[in-house]
Amino acid sequence: MQFNVNKVKILVTVPVENVDEVRNAICEEGAGIIGNYTYCSTSTKVVGTFIPSIDANPYIGKQNKMEFVNEEKLEVICDVEKVKAVIAKLRETHPYEEPAIDIVPLIDEKDFY
């Protein structure tokens, strides 16, 4: 069986106060389209942890100190042709110096028939 990957799911954790800004920016760039619907996304409340190194310039927290941050994991579907532009916009809008971004290839359900 052979699969073509035409869409991916982009996941990123974002401080709660920045979720709307990041969601709007990446959806304006073309993410979050499912059929006749736009701005489709899901978000889950999570607690992110990290320790900024001495060389970091953290948006939240202090260097060499464990931080616990209320975040949302934002998820959107994206056509593969738009991924580079969407990720560029995500990085431009996201407040973190190093946002944790996952890009997961998706298999279309029609490939199983």
N, C-alpha and C. Protein backbone atom coordinates (compact mmCIF):
# COMPACT_ATOMS: atom_id res chain seq x y z
N MET A 1 0.84 -1.18 0.00
CA MET A 1 0.00 0.00 0.00
C MET A 1 0.89 1.24 0.00
N GLN A 2 0.56 2.20 -0.84
CA GLN A 2 1.35 3.42 -0.94
C GLN A 2 0.48 4.61 -0.54
N PHE A 3 1.08 5.53 0.19
CA PHE A 3 0.35 6.71 0.67
C PHE A 3 1.00 7.98 0.15
N ASN A 4 0.18 8.94 -0.20
CA ASN A 4 0.66 10.28 -0.52
C ASN A 4 0.32 11.18 0.65
N VAL A 5 1.29 11.94 1.10
CA VAL A 5 1.04 12.87 2.19
C VAL A 5 0.76 14.24 1.59
N ASN A 6 -0.48 14.68 1.71
CA ASN A 6 -0.91 15.97 1.20
C ASN A 6 -1.17 16.98 2.31
N LYS A 7 -1.35 16.47 3.51
CA LYS A 7 -1.64 17.33 4.66
C LYS A 7 -0.80 16.89 5.85
N VAL A 8 -0.56 17.84 6.73
CA VAL A 8 0.12 17.56 7.99
C VAL A 8 -0.70 18.17 9.12
N LYS A 9 -0.41 17.74 10.33
CA LYS A 9 -0.95 18.40 11.50
C LYS A 9 0.21 19.13 12.16
N ILE A 10 0.02 20.40 12.43
CA ILE A 10 1.03 21.21 13.12
C ILE A 10 0.56 21.39 14.55
N LEU A 11 1.44 21.04 15.49
CA LEU A 11 1.15 21.19 16.91
C LEU A 11 2.20 22.09 17.52
N VAL A 12 1.78 23.00 18.38
CA VAL A 12 2.71 23.89 19.06
C VAL A 12 2.12 24.29 20.41
N THR A 13 2.97 24.39 21.42
CA THR A 13 2.51 24.88 22.71
C THR A 13 2.74 26.39 22.76
N VAL A 14 1.75 27.09 23.32
CA VAL A 14 1.75 28.55 23.32
C VAL A 14 1.27 29.02 24.69
N PRO A 15 1.90 30.07 25.27
CA PRO A 15 1.36 30.62 26.51
C PRO A 15 -0.12 31.00 26.29
N VAL A 16 -0.95 30.75 27.29
CA VAL A 16 -2.38 30.96 27.17
C VAL A 16 -2.72 32.35 26.62
N GLU A 17 -2.01 33.36 27.08
CA GLU A 17 -2.34 34.73 26.67
C GLU A 17 -1.99 35.04 25.20
N ASN A 18 -1.25 34.14 24.55
CA ASN A 18 -0.83 34.37 23.16
C ASN A 18 -1.52 33.46 22.14
N VAL A 19 -2.39 32.57 22.59
CA VAL A 19 -2.98 31.57 21.70
C VAL A 19 -3.78 32.20 20.57
N ASP A 20 -4.64 33.16 20.86
CA ASP A 20 -5.46 33.76 19.80
C ASP A 20 -4.60 34.42 18.74
N GLU A 21 -3.56 35.12 19.15
CA GLU A 21 -2.68 35.80 18.20
C GLU A 21 -1.98 34.80 17.27
N VAL A 22 -1.45 33.72 17.85
CA VAL A 22 -0.76 32.70 17.06
C VAL A 22 -1.75 31.99 16.15
N ARG A 23 -2.91 31.60 16.68
CA ARG A 23 -3.94 30.92 15.87
C ARG A 23 -4.34 31.78 14.67
N ASN A 24 -4.64 33.04 14.92
CA ASN A 24 -5.06 33.93 13.83
C ASN A 24 -3.95 34.08 12.78
N ALA A 25 -2.73 34.22 13.22
CA ALA A 25 -1.61 34.40 12.29
C ALA A 25 -1.43 33.19 11.39
N ILE A 26 -1.43 31.98 11.96
CA ILE A 26 -1.18 30.80 11.12
C ILE A 26 -2.39 30.47 10.25
N CYS A 27 -3.59 30.77 10.73
CA CYS A 27 -4.77 30.54 9.89
C CYS A 27 -4.85 31.56 8.76
N GLU A 28 -4.43 32.78 9.00
CA GLU A 28 -4.37 33.78 7.93
C GLU A 28 -3.36 33.36 6.85
N GLU A 29 -2.36 32.56 7.26
CA GLU A 29 -1.33 32.09 6.32
C GLU A 29 -1.78 30.83 5.58
N GLY A 30 -2.95 30.27 5.95
CA GLY A 30 -3.49 29.13 5.21
C GLY A 30 -3.65 27.84 5.97
N ALA A 31 -3.28 27.81 7.24
CA ALA A 31 -3.51 26.61 8.05
C ALA A 31 -4.96 26.59 8.52
N GLY A 32 -5.41 25.43 8.99
CA GLY A 32 -6.73 25.34 9.60
C GLY A 32 -7.89 25.26 8.63
N ILE A 33 -7.64 24.78 7.41
CA ILE A 33 -8.73 24.63 6.45
C ILE A 33 -9.13 23.16 6.37
N ILE A 34 -10.41 22.90 6.63
CA ILE A 34 -10.96 21.56 6.51
C ILE A 34 -12.24 21.68 5.69
N GLY A 35 -12.18 21.20 4.45
CA GLY A 35 -13.34 21.30 3.56
C GLY A 35 -13.74 22.75 3.35
N ASN A 36 -14.98 23.07 3.66
CA ASN A 36 -15.51 24.42 3.49
C ASN A 36 -15.36 25.28 4.74
N TYR A 37 -14.53 24.86 5.67
CA TYR A 37 -14.36 25.58 6.93
C TYR A 37 -12.93 26.10 7.05
N THR A 38 -12.79 27.30 7.60
CA THR A 38 -11.48 27.88 7.83
C THR A 38 -11.31 28.14 9.32
N TYR A 39 -10.09 28.45 9.72
CA TYR A 39 -9.74 28.72 11.11
C TYR A 39 -10.09 27.53 12.02
N CYS A 40 -10.01 26.32 11.49
CA CYS A 40 -10.27 25.12 12.28
C CYS A 40 -9.04 24.81 13.13
N SER A 41 -9.24 24.65 14.41
CA SER A 41 -8.14 24.30 15.30
C SER A 41 -8.71 23.64 16.55
N THR A 42 -7.83 23.01 17.28
CA THR A 42 -8.17 22.54 18.62
C THR A 42 -7.06 23.01 19.54
N SER A 43 -7.43 23.14 20.79
CA SER A 43 -6.40 23.47 21.78
C SER A 43 -6.72 22.75 23.08
N THR A 44 -5.66 22.36 23.75
CA THR A 44 -5.76 21.64 25.01
C THR A 44 -4.90 22.36 26.03
N LYS A 45 -5.44 22.58 27.20
CA LYS A 45 -4.65 23.22 28.25
C LYS A 45 -3.60 22.24 28.77
N VAL A 46 -2.37 22.72 28.85
CA VAL A 46 -1.24 21.90 29.32
C VAL A 46 -0.36 22.75 30.23
N VAL A 47 0.54 22.11 30.92
CA VAL A 47 1.57 22.81 31.69
C VAL A 47 2.91 22.46 31.07
N GLY A 48 3.59 23.48 30.56
CA GLY A 48 4.90 23.28 29.96
C GLY A 48 5.99 23.50 31.00
N THR A 49 7.08 22.77 30.87
CA THR A 49 8.22 22.95 31.78
C THR A 49 9.49 23.14 30.97
N PHE A 50 10.41 23.91 31.52
CA PHE A 50 11.70 24.12 30.88
C PHE A 50 12.64 24.83 31.84
N ILE A 51 13.92 24.70 31.54
CA ILE A 51 14.97 25.44 32.26
C ILE A 51 15.77 26.21 31.21
N PRO A 52 15.65 27.53 31.18
CA PRO A 52 16.44 28.32 30.22
C PRO A 52 17.93 28.25 30.60
N SER A 53 18.78 28.02 29.61
CA SER A 53 20.21 27.99 29.88
C SER A 53 20.73 29.41 30.09
N ILE A 54 21.96 29.53 30.47
CA ILE A 54 22.59 30.83 30.70
C ILE A 54 22.64 31.64 29.40
N ASP A 55 22.63 30.96 28.25
CA ASP A 55 22.68 31.64 26.95
C ASP A 55 21.29 31.99 26.40
N ALA A 56 20.24 31.56 27.09
CA ALA A 56 18.87 31.80 26.62
C ALA A 56 18.41 33.22 26.93
N ASN A 57 17.43 33.66 26.18
CA ASN A 57 16.77 34.93 26.41
C ASN A 57 15.28 34.63 26.58
N PRO A 58 14.89 34.09 27.74
CA PRO A 58 13.52 33.58 27.89
C PRO A 58 12.46 34.67 27.92
N TYR A 59 11.35 34.38 27.25
CA TYR A 59 10.16 35.24 27.29
C TYR A 59 9.53 35.16 28.68
N ILE A 60 9.53 33.95 29.24
CA ILE A 60 9.01 33.69 30.58
C ILE A 60 10.10 33.00 31.36
N GLY A 61 10.29 33.39 32.61
CA GLY A 61 11.21 32.68 33.48
C GLY A 61 12.59 33.29 33.56
N LYS A 62 13.42 32.61 34.34
CA LYS A 62 14.78 33.06 34.58
C LYS A 62 15.76 31.95 34.19
N GLN A 63 16.94 32.36 33.80
CA GLN A 63 17.98 31.42 33.40
C GLN A 63 18.30 30.47 34.55
N ASN A 64 18.52 29.20 34.20
CA ASN A 64 18.90 28.13 35.13
C ASN A 64 17.89 27.88 36.24
N LYS A 65 16.61 28.22 36.01
CA LYS A 65 15.56 27.97 36.98
C LYS A 65 14.41 27.25 36.29
N MET A 66 13.95 26.14 36.88
CA MET A 66 12.83 25.38 36.32
C MET A 66 11.58 26.26 36.32
N GLU A 67 10.91 26.26 35.16
CA GLU A 67 9.68 27.03 35.01
C GLU A 67 8.52 26.10 34.70
N PHE A 68 7.35 26.42 35.22
CA PHE A 68 6.10 25.73 34.94
C PHE A 68 5.15 26.78 34.38
N VAL A 69 4.69 26.59 33.14
CA VAL A 69 3.91 27.62 32.47
C VAL A 69 2.58 27.04 31.98
N ASN A 70 1.49 27.77 32.27
CA ASN A 70 0.19 27.40 31.73
C ASN A 70 0.20 27.74 30.24
N GLU A 71 0.01 26.70 29.44
CA GLU A 71 0.05 26.85 27.99
C GLU A 71 -1.16 26.14 27.39
N GLU A 72 -1.33 26.35 26.09
CA GLU A 72 -2.28 25.56 25.32
C GLU A 72 -1.51 24.90 24.18
N LYS A 73 -1.83 23.63 23.94
CA LYS A 73 -1.28 22.94 22.78
C LYS A 73 -2.25 23.21 21.65
N LEU A 74 -1.81 23.98 20.66
CA LEU A 74 -2.62 24.37 19.52
C LEU A 74 -2.35 23.41 18.38
N GLU A 75 -3.43 22.90 17.74
CA GLU A 75 -3.30 21.95 16.65
C GLU A 75 -4.10 22.43 15.45
N VAL A 76 -3.48 22.38 14.27
CA VAL A 76 -4.16 22.74 13.01
C VAL A 76 -3.73 21.78 11.91
N ILE A 77 -4.61 21.61 10.94
CA ILE A 77 -4.32 20.86 9.72
C ILE A 77 -3.74 21.85 8.71
N CYS A 78 -2.80 21.38 7.87
CA CYS A 78 -2.19 22.27 6.90
C CYS A 78 -1.81 21.49 5.64
N ASP A 79 -2.09 22.07 4.48
CA ASP A 79 -1.62 21.48 3.22
C ASP A 79 -0.10 21.55 3.19
N VAL A 80 0.54 20.51 2.67
CA VAL A 80 2.01 20.47 2.67
C VAL A 80 2.62 21.64 1.91
N GLU A 81 1.92 22.15 0.89
CA GLU A 81 2.45 23.28 0.12
C GLU A 81 2.53 24.56 0.95
N LYS A 82 1.78 24.63 2.03
CA LYS A 82 1.72 25.85 2.84
C LYS A 82 2.54 25.76 4.12
N VAL A 83 3.12 24.60 4.40
CA VAL A 83 3.80 24.39 5.69
C VAL A 83 4.92 25.39 5.94
N LYS A 84 5.79 25.60 4.96
CA LYS A 84 6.93 26.51 5.18
C LYS A 84 6.46 27.91 5.54
N ALA A 85 5.46 28.42 4.83
CA ALA A 85 4.95 29.77 5.11
C ALA A 85 4.25 29.82 6.46
N VAL A 86 3.50 28.78 6.79
CA VAL A 86 2.78 28.74 8.08
C VAL A 86 3.78 28.68 9.23
N ILE A 87 4.81 27.85 9.12
CA ILE A 87 5.82 27.74 10.18
C ILE A 87 6.58 29.06 10.32
N ALA A 88 6.89 29.70 9.22
CA ALA A 88 7.57 31.01 9.29
C ALA A 88 6.71 32.02 10.04
N LYS A 89 5.41 32.05 9.74
CA LYS A 89 4.50 32.98 10.42
C LYS A 89 4.35 32.60 11.89
N LEU A 90 4.31 31.30 12.17
CA LEU A 90 4.23 30.83 13.56
C LEU A 90 5.44 31.33 14.36
N ARG A 91 6.63 31.14 13.81
CA ARG A 91 7.85 31.59 14.51
C ARG A 91 7.89 33.11 14.67
N GLU A 92 7.38 33.83 13.69
CA GLU A 92 7.35 35.29 13.75
C GLU A 92 6.40 35.78 14.84
N THR A 93 5.30 35.07 15.04
CA THR A 93 4.25 35.50 15.97
C THR A 93 4.43 34.94 17.38
N HIS A 94 4.99 33.75 17.49
CA HIS A 94 5.13 33.06 18.78
C HIS A 94 6.10 33.83 19.68
N PRO A 95 5.77 34.00 20.96
CA PRO A 95 6.65 34.77 21.84
C PRO A 95 7.93 34.05 22.26
N TYR A 96 7.96 32.73 22.17
CA TYR A 96 9.13 31.99 22.65
C TYR A 96 10.29 32.08 21.67
N GLU A 97 11.47 32.09 22.24
CA GLU A 97 12.70 32.05 21.47
C GLU A 97 12.81 30.74 20.68
N GLU A 98 12.38 29.64 21.29
CA GLU A 98 12.44 28.31 20.68
C GLU A 98 11.11 27.59 20.89
N PRO A 99 10.07 27.88 20.09
CA PRO A 99 8.80 27.17 20.28
C PRO A 99 8.94 25.69 19.94
N ALA A 100 8.22 24.86 20.68
CA ALA A 100 8.21 23.41 20.42
C ALA A 100 7.16 23.13 19.36
N ILE A 101 7.60 22.81 18.15
CA ILE A 101 6.71 22.60 17.01
C ILE A 101 6.82 21.15 16.55
N ASP A 102 5.67 20.49 16.41
CA ASP A 102 5.61 19.15 15.82
C ASP A 102 4.90 19.26 14.48
N ILE A 103 5.42 18.56 13.48
CA ILE A 103 4.77 18.48 12.17
C ILE A 103 4.56 16.99 11.90
N VAL A 104 3.29 16.57 11.88
CA VAL A 104 2.94 15.16 11.76
C VAL A 104 2.28 14.91 10.40
N PRO A 105 2.86 14.03 9.58
CA PRO A 105 2.23 13.71 8.29
C PRO A 105 0.90 12.99 8.51
N LEU A 106 -0.09 13.31 7.68
CA LEU A 106 -1.41 12.69 7.79
C LEU A 106 -1.70 11.87 6.55
N ILE A 107 -2.39 10.77 6.75
CA ILE A 107 -2.82 9.91 5.65
C ILE A 107 -4.30 10.17 5.43
N ASP A 108 -4.69 10.44 4.21
CA ASP A 108 -6.09 10.70 3.88
C ASP A 108 -6.88 9.40 4.01
N GLU A 109 -8.05 9.48 4.58
CA GLU A 109 -8.85 8.27 4.78
C GLU A 109 -9.21 7.57 3.47
N LYS A 110 -9.29 8.33 2.36
CA LYS A 110 -9.63 7.71 1.07
C LYS A 110 -8.54 6.74 0.61
N ASP A 111 -7.32 6.87 1.13
CA ASP A 111 -6.24 5.96 0.78
C ASP A 111 -6.46 4.55 1.34
N PHE A 112 -7.44 4.39 2.21
CA PHE A 112 -7.72 3.08 2.80
C PHE A 112 -8.85 2.33 2.08
N TYR A 113 -9.43 2.91 1.07
CA TYR A 113 -10.54 2.24 0.36
C TYR A 113 -10.02 1.48 -0.84
